[in-house]
Amino acid sequence: MSTKAIKIIYWTLNVLFGLAMLADAFGGITQQEAGKVVLQHLGYPMYLLVITGIFKLFGAIAILQNRWMAIKEWAFAGFFINFVGAIASRYAMHDPFSELIPPLVMMAIMFILYYFWKQYNRTKIA
């Protein structure tokens, strides 16, 4: 794959994933009704919505930047834990498989983004 293609794919996925996580963070911090309904269904306390929203905000900022690589690695790890937790929580509540699809898709996008981030860094070195 060409260097230009890697850069385009990386930045496209980076911006889209970052915006999605920023939107999710905003929903959590402002305690949107949809988030409250999900947390209540899963049996989690409502204050978790704000806590995870703040972490998602910082995580999205970390994902969108390219200066501090260790911070970005930790943000990827945090989002992975978030998605696995969402999948496990839905599964534990015996939710239909359709409820598992959104976090599975976002986790897949995150893994693809992570792969292209590593490729992008290799192109900067070469």
N, C-alpha and C. Protein backbone atom coordinates (compact mmCIF):
# COMPACT_ATOMS: atom_id res chain seq x y z
N MET A 1 0.85 -1.18 0.00
CA MET A 1 0.00 0.00 0.00
C MET A 1 0.89 1.24 0.00
N SER A 2 0.48 2.23 -0.73
CA SER A 2 1.30 3.43 -0.84
C SER A 2 1.26 4.26 0.44
N THR A 3 2.28 5.06 0.61
CA THR A 3 2.36 5.95 1.77
C THR A 3 1.17 6.91 1.80
N LYS A 4 0.81 7.41 0.65
CA LYS A 4 -0.31 8.35 0.58
C LYS A 4 -1.62 7.68 1.00
N ALA A 5 -1.84 6.44 0.56
CA ALA A 5 -3.06 5.72 0.93
C ALA A 5 -3.10 5.47 2.43
N ILE A 6 -1.96 5.09 3.00
CA ILE A 6 -1.89 4.86 4.45
C ILE A 6 -2.25 6.14 5.20
N LYS A 7 -1.69 7.27 4.77
CA LYS A 7 -1.97 8.55 5.44
C LYS A 7 -3.46 8.91 5.35
N ILE A 8 -4.03 8.72 4.17
CA ILE A 8 -5.45 9.07 3.97
C ILE A 8 -6.34 8.18 4.84
N ILE A 9 -6.08 6.89 4.83
CA ILE A 9 -6.89 5.97 5.63
C ILE A 9 -6.72 6.27 7.11
N TYR A 10 -5.48 6.47 7.54
CA TYR A 10 -5.22 6.75 8.95
C TYR A 10 -5.96 8.01 9.40
N TRP A 11 -5.78 9.11 8.68
CA TRP A 11 -6.39 10.36 9.13
C TRP A 11 -7.91 10.32 9.03
N THR A 12 -8.44 9.64 8.03
CA THR A 12 -9.90 9.52 7.91
C THR A 12 -10.47 8.74 9.10
N LEU A 13 -9.89 7.57 9.37
CA LEU A 13 -10.35 6.78 10.51
C LEU A 13 -10.12 7.50 11.83
N ASN A 14 -8.99 8.17 11.95
CA ASN A 14 -8.66 8.88 13.18
C ASN A 14 -9.69 9.96 13.48
N VAL A 15 -10.02 10.75 12.49
CA VAL A 15 -10.99 11.83 12.69
C VAL A 15 -12.38 11.27 12.96
N LEU A 16 -12.80 10.24 12.19
CA LEU A 16 -14.14 9.68 12.38
C LEU A 16 -14.27 9.02 13.76
N PHE A 17 -13.27 8.23 14.13
CA PHE A 17 -13.32 7.58 15.44
C PHE A 17 -13.26 8.62 16.56
N GLY A 18 -12.38 9.60 16.41
CA GLY A 18 -12.27 10.66 17.41
C GLY A 18 -13.57 11.42 17.59
N LEU A 19 -14.21 11.76 16.48
CA LEU A 19 -15.49 12.48 16.55
C LEU A 19 -16.58 11.61 17.19
N ALA A 20 -16.59 10.33 16.87
CA ALA A 20 -17.58 9.43 17.47
C ALA A 20 -17.39 9.35 18.98
N MET A 21 -16.14 9.27 19.41
CA MET A 21 -15.88 9.19 20.84
C MET A 21 -16.14 10.53 21.54
N LEU A 22 -15.87 11.64 20.84
CA LEU A 22 -16.22 12.95 21.40
C LEU A 22 -17.73 13.09 21.57
N ALA A 23 -18.48 12.62 20.59
CA ALA A 23 -19.95 12.67 20.69
C ALA A 23 -20.44 11.80 21.83
N ASP A 24 -19.85 10.62 21.99
CA ASP A 24 -20.21 9.73 23.09
C ASP A 24 -19.84 10.36 24.43
N ALA A 25 -18.69 11.01 24.47
CA ALA A 25 -18.26 11.69 25.70
C ALA A 25 -19.24 12.81 26.06
N PHE A 26 -19.63 13.59 25.07
CA PHE A 26 -20.58 14.68 25.30
C PHE A 26 -21.90 14.12 25.86
N GLY A 27 -22.36 13.01 25.26
CA GLY A 27 -23.60 12.39 25.74
C GLY A 27 -23.49 11.95 27.19
N GLY A 28 -22.34 11.44 27.56
CA GLY A 28 -22.15 11.00 28.94
C GLY A 28 -22.04 12.15 29.91
N ILE A 29 -21.24 13.14 29.55
CA ILE A 29 -21.03 14.28 30.44
C ILE A 29 -22.32 15.06 30.67
N THR A 30 -23.12 15.19 29.61
CA THR A 30 -24.39 15.93 29.73
C THR A 30 -25.54 15.03 30.16
N GLN A 31 -25.24 13.78 30.44
CA GLN A 31 -26.22 12.80 30.93
C GLN A 31 -27.47 12.72 30.04
N GLN A 32 -27.22 12.43 28.79
CA GLN A 32 -28.33 12.26 27.84
C GLN A 32 -29.22 11.10 28.26
N GLU A 33 -30.47 11.18 27.94
CA GLU A 33 -31.45 10.19 28.37
C GLU A 33 -31.12 8.79 27.87
N ALA A 34 -30.64 8.66 26.64
CA ALA A 34 -30.32 7.34 26.09
C ALA A 34 -29.27 6.64 26.95
N GLY A 35 -28.27 7.37 27.39
CA GLY A 35 -27.24 6.80 28.24
C GLY A 35 -27.78 6.38 29.59
N LYS A 36 -28.68 7.19 30.14
CA LYS A 36 -29.29 6.85 31.43
C LYS A 36 -30.10 5.56 31.33
N VAL A 37 -30.83 5.42 30.24
CA VAL A 37 -31.65 4.22 30.05
C VAL A 37 -30.77 2.98 29.98
N VAL A 38 -29.67 3.07 29.25
CA VAL A 38 -28.76 1.93 29.11
C VAL A 38 -28.14 1.58 30.46
N LEU A 39 -27.63 2.59 31.17
CA LEU A 39 -27.01 2.32 32.48
C LEU A 39 -28.01 1.71 33.47
N GLN A 40 -29.23 2.20 33.45
CA GLN A 40 -30.25 1.65 34.33
C GLN A 40 -30.53 0.19 33.97
N HIS A 41 -30.65 -0.08 32.69
CA HIS A 41 -30.90 -1.45 32.22
C HIS A 41 -29.77 -2.38 32.64
N LEU A 42 -28.53 -1.91 32.56
CA LEU A 42 -27.37 -2.74 32.88
C LEU A 42 -27.10 -2.81 34.38
N GLY A 43 -27.77 -1.95 35.16
CA GLY A 43 -27.62 -1.99 36.61
C GLY A 43 -26.45 -1.19 37.14
N TYR A 44 -25.96 -0.25 36.37
CA TYR A 44 -24.84 0.58 36.81
C TYR A 44 -25.36 1.87 37.42
N PRO A 45 -24.58 2.49 38.33
CA PRO A 45 -25.01 3.77 38.92
C PRO A 45 -24.92 4.89 37.88
N MET A 46 -25.79 5.86 38.01
CA MET A 46 -25.87 6.96 37.04
C MET A 46 -24.60 7.81 36.99
N TYR A 47 -23.89 7.93 38.10
CA TYR A 47 -22.68 8.77 38.09
C TYR A 47 -21.60 8.19 37.19
N LEU A 48 -21.69 6.91 36.85
CA LEU A 48 -20.72 6.29 35.94
C LEU A 48 -20.78 6.94 34.55
N LEU A 49 -21.95 7.44 34.19
CA LEU A 49 -22.11 8.10 32.88
C LEU A 49 -21.18 9.29 32.75
N VAL A 50 -21.09 10.11 33.78
CA VAL A 50 -20.23 11.29 33.74
C VAL A 50 -18.76 10.88 33.80
N ILE A 51 -18.43 9.92 34.66
CA ILE A 51 -17.04 9.47 34.77
C ILE A 51 -16.53 8.93 33.44
N THR A 52 -17.28 8.03 32.84
CA THR A 52 -16.84 7.47 31.55
C THR A 52 -16.86 8.54 30.46
N GLY A 53 -17.79 9.48 30.55
CA GLY A 53 -17.82 10.57 29.58
C GLY A 53 -16.56 11.41 29.63
N ILE A 54 -16.10 11.70 30.82
CA ILE A 54 -14.86 12.49 30.97
C ILE A 54 -13.66 11.70 30.45
N PHE A 55 -13.60 10.41 30.79
CA PHE A 55 -12.50 9.59 30.28
C PHE A 55 -12.54 9.47 28.76
N LYS A 56 -13.73 9.38 28.19
CA LYS A 56 -13.85 9.31 26.73
C LYS A 56 -13.41 10.62 26.09
N LEU A 57 -13.71 11.73 26.74
CA LEU A 57 -13.26 13.03 26.23
C LEU A 57 -11.75 13.08 26.16
N PHE A 58 -11.09 12.73 27.27
CA PHE A 58 -9.62 12.73 27.28
C PHE A 58 -9.06 11.69 26.32
N GLY A 59 -9.72 10.54 26.23
CA GLY A 59 -9.27 9.50 25.31
C GLY A 59 -9.37 9.93 23.86
N ALA A 60 -10.45 10.61 23.51
CA ALA A 60 -10.63 11.09 22.14
C ALA A 60 -9.56 12.12 21.80
N ILE A 61 -9.28 13.01 22.73
CA ILE A 61 -8.23 14.00 22.50
C ILE A 61 -6.89 13.30 22.31
N ALA A 62 -6.63 12.29 23.13
CA ALA A 62 -5.37 11.54 23.02
C ALA A 62 -5.27 10.81 21.69
N ILE A 63 -6.37 10.27 21.21
CA ILE A 63 -6.37 9.55 19.93
C ILE A 63 -6.12 10.52 18.78
N LEU A 64 -6.67 11.70 18.88
CA LEU A 64 -6.56 12.67 17.77
C LEU A 64 -5.19 13.33 17.67
N GLN A 65 -4.39 13.25 18.71
CA GLN A 65 -3.06 13.87 18.68
C GLN A 65 -2.01 12.83 18.29
N ASN A 66 -0.88 13.30 17.81
CA ASN A 66 0.21 12.40 17.42
C ASN A 66 1.54 12.74 18.08
N ARG A 67 1.52 13.55 19.10
CA ARG A 67 2.77 13.96 19.72
C ARG A 67 3.22 13.00 20.84
N TRP A 68 2.29 12.64 21.71
CA TRP A 68 2.62 11.81 22.86
C TRP A 68 2.12 10.39 22.60
N MET A 69 3.03 9.56 22.11
CA MET A 69 2.67 8.21 21.67
C MET A 69 2.21 7.32 22.82
N ALA A 70 2.85 7.42 23.98
CA ALA A 70 2.45 6.57 25.11
C ALA A 70 1.03 6.90 25.56
N ILE A 71 0.69 8.19 25.57
CA ILE A 71 -0.67 8.60 25.94
C ILE A 71 -1.68 8.02 24.95
N LYS A 72 -1.32 8.05 23.67
CA LYS A 72 -2.21 7.52 22.64
C LYS A 72 -2.39 6.01 22.81
N GLU A 73 -1.31 5.30 23.14
CA GLU A 73 -1.39 3.86 23.38
C GLU A 73 -2.35 3.58 24.54
N TRP A 74 -2.23 4.35 25.61
CA TRP A 74 -3.11 4.16 26.77
C TRP A 74 -4.56 4.47 26.41
N ALA A 75 -4.78 5.44 25.55
CA ALA A 75 -6.15 5.76 25.14
C ALA A 75 -6.75 4.59 24.35
N PHE A 76 -5.96 4.00 23.46
CA PHE A 76 -6.45 2.82 22.74
C PHE A 76 -6.80 1.71 23.73
N ALA A 77 -5.94 1.50 24.73
CA ALA A 77 -6.21 0.46 25.73
C ALA A 77 -7.50 0.77 26.50
N GLY A 78 -7.68 2.03 26.86
CA GLY A 78 -8.89 2.43 27.57
C GLY A 78 -10.15 2.21 26.75
N PHE A 79 -10.10 2.55 25.48
CA PHE A 79 -11.27 2.32 24.63
C PHE A 79 -11.53 0.83 24.45
N PHE A 80 -10.47 0.03 24.36
CA PHE A 80 -10.64 -1.42 24.28
C PHE A 80 -11.36 -1.93 25.52
N ILE A 81 -10.92 -1.50 26.70
CA ILE A 81 -11.57 -1.92 27.94
C ILE A 81 -13.04 -1.47 27.95
N ASN A 82 -13.29 -0.26 27.48
CA ASN A 82 -14.66 0.25 27.42
C ASN A 82 -15.54 -0.62 26.53
N PHE A 83 -15.04 -0.96 25.34
CA PHE A 83 -15.83 -1.77 24.40
C PHE A 83 -16.04 -3.19 24.93
N VAL A 84 -15.01 -3.78 25.49
CA VAL A 84 -15.15 -5.13 26.06
C VAL A 84 -16.15 -5.09 27.21
N GLY A 85 -16.07 -4.06 28.04
CA GLY A 85 -17.03 -3.92 29.13
C GLY A 85 -18.46 -3.77 28.64
N ALA A 86 -18.64 -3.02 27.58
CA ALA A 86 -19.98 -2.85 27.00
C ALA A 86 -20.51 -4.17 26.46
N ILE A 87 -19.65 -4.90 25.76
CA ILE A 87 -20.06 -6.20 25.20
C ILE A 87 -20.38 -7.17 26.32
N ALA A 88 -19.50 -7.26 27.32
CA ALA A 88 -19.71 -8.19 28.44
C ALA A 88 -20.97 -7.84 29.23
N SER A 89 -21.21 -6.55 29.43
CA SER A 89 -22.40 -6.12 30.18
C SER A 89 -23.67 -6.49 29.44
N ARG A 90 -23.69 -6.22 28.15
CA ARG A 90 -24.87 -6.57 27.34
C ARG A 90 -25.09 -8.08 27.32
N TYR A 91 -24.01 -8.82 27.17
CA TYR A 91 -24.09 -10.27 27.14
C TYR A 91 -24.60 -10.81 28.49
N ALA A 92 -24.09 -10.26 29.58
CA ALA A 92 -24.49 -10.70 30.92
C ALA A 92 -25.98 -10.46 31.17
N MET A 93 -26.53 -9.44 30.54
CA MET A 93 -27.95 -9.12 30.71
C MET A 93 -28.82 -9.88 29.71
N HIS A 94 -28.19 -10.76 28.93
CA HIS A 94 -28.90 -11.56 27.92
C HIS A 94 -29.60 -10.69 26.89
N ASP A 95 -28.98 -9.57 26.57
CA ASP A 95 -29.53 -8.70 25.53
C ASP A 95 -29.41 -9.40 24.18
N PRO A 96 -30.25 -9.03 23.23
CA PRO A 96 -30.14 -9.64 21.91
C PRO A 96 -28.80 -9.31 21.25
N PHE A 97 -28.37 -10.17 20.33
CA PHE A 97 -27.09 -9.97 19.68
C PHE A 97 -26.99 -8.61 19.00
N SER A 98 -28.11 -8.08 18.54
CA SER A 98 -28.10 -6.77 17.87
C SER A 98 -27.57 -5.67 18.78
N GLU A 99 -27.69 -5.84 20.10
CA GLU A 99 -27.17 -4.85 21.05
C GLU A 99 -25.65 -4.96 21.21
N LEU A 100 -25.08 -6.09 20.80
CA LEU A 100 -23.64 -6.28 20.88
C LEU A 100 -22.93 -5.72 19.65
N ILE A 101 -23.67 -5.51 18.58
CA ILE A 101 -23.06 -5.09 17.32
C ILE A 101 -22.39 -3.71 17.40
N PRO A 102 -23.04 -2.66 17.95
CA PRO A 102 -22.36 -1.35 17.98
C PRO A 102 -20.99 -1.37 18.67
N PRO A 103 -20.84 -1.93 19.88
CA PRO A 103 -19.49 -1.92 20.45
C PRO A 103 -18.53 -2.83 19.69
N LEU A 104 -19.02 -3.91 19.11
CA LEU A 104 -18.15 -4.77 18.29
C LEU A 104 -17.64 -4.02 17.06
N VAL A 105 -18.53 -3.28 16.41
CA VAL A 105 -18.14 -2.52 15.22
C VAL A 105 -17.14 -1.42 15.59
N MET A 106 -17.42 -0.70 16.68
CA MET A 106 -16.50 0.36 17.09
C MET A 106 -15.14 -0.21 17.49
N MET A 107 -15.13 -1.38 18.12
CA MET A 107 -13.86 -2.00 18.49
C MET A 107 -13.10 -2.42 17.24
N ALA A 108 -13.81 -2.94 16.24
CA ALA A 108 -13.16 -3.32 14.99
C ALA A 108 -12.57 -2.09 14.31
N ILE A 109 -13.32 -1.00 14.27
CA ILE A 109 -12.81 0.24 13.68
C ILE A 109 -11.58 0.72 14.45
N MET A 110 -11.63 0.61 15.77
CA MET A 110 -10.50 1.02 16.59
C MET A 110 -9.26 0.18 16.27
N PHE A 111 -9.43 -1.12 16.11
CA PHE A 111 -8.29 -1.98 15.77
C PHE A 111 -7.71 -1.65 14.39
N ILE A 112 -8.59 -1.36 13.45
CA ILE A 112 -8.12 -0.97 12.11
C ILE A 112 -7.38 0.36 12.19
N LEU A 113 -7.93 1.30 12.95
CA LEU A 113 -7.26 2.59 13.16
C LEU A 113 -5.90 2.38 13.80
N TYR A 114 -5.84 1.52 14.81
CA TYR A 114 -4.58 1.25 15.49
C TYR A 114 -3.56 0.69 14.49
N TYR A 115 -3.97 -0.23 13.66
CA TYR A 115 -3.08 -0.81 12.65
C TYR A 115 -2.53 0.29 11.72
N PHE A 116 -3.44 1.15 11.24
CA PHE A 116 -3.00 2.19 10.32
C PHE A 116 -2.19 3.27 11.03
N TRP A 117 -2.40 3.47 12.31
CA TRP A 117 -1.56 4.40 13.08
C TRP A 117 -0.12 3.88 13.10
N LYS A 118 0.02 2.59 13.35
CA LYS A 118 1.36 2.00 13.36
C LYS A 118 1.99 2.09 11.97
N GLN A 119 1.22 1.83 10.93
CA GLN A 119 1.73 1.95 9.56
C GLN A 119 2.11 3.40 9.24
N TYR A 120 1.28 4.33 9.68
CA TYR A 120 1.54 5.75 9.46
C TYR A 120 2.86 6.16 10.12
N ASN A 121 3.09 5.68 11.34
CA ASN A 121 4.35 6.00 12.04
C ASN A 121 5.54 5.41 11.32
N ARG A 122 5.37 4.25 10.73
CA ARG A 122 6.47 3.64 9.96
C ARG A 122 6.80 4.47 8.71
N THR A 123 5.77 5.05 8.10
CA THR A 123 6.01 5.85 6.89
C THR A 123 6.72 7.15 7.25
N LYS A 124 6.50 7.66 8.46
CA LYS A 124 7.18 8.89 8.89
C LYS A 124 8.65 8.62 9.14
N ILE A 125 8.96 7.41 9.60
CA ILE A 125 10.35 7.05 9.89
C ILE A 125 11.12 6.76 8.61
N ALA A 126 10.45 6.09 7.67
CA ALA A 126 11.13 5.69 6.43
C ALA A 126 11.45 6.84 5.53
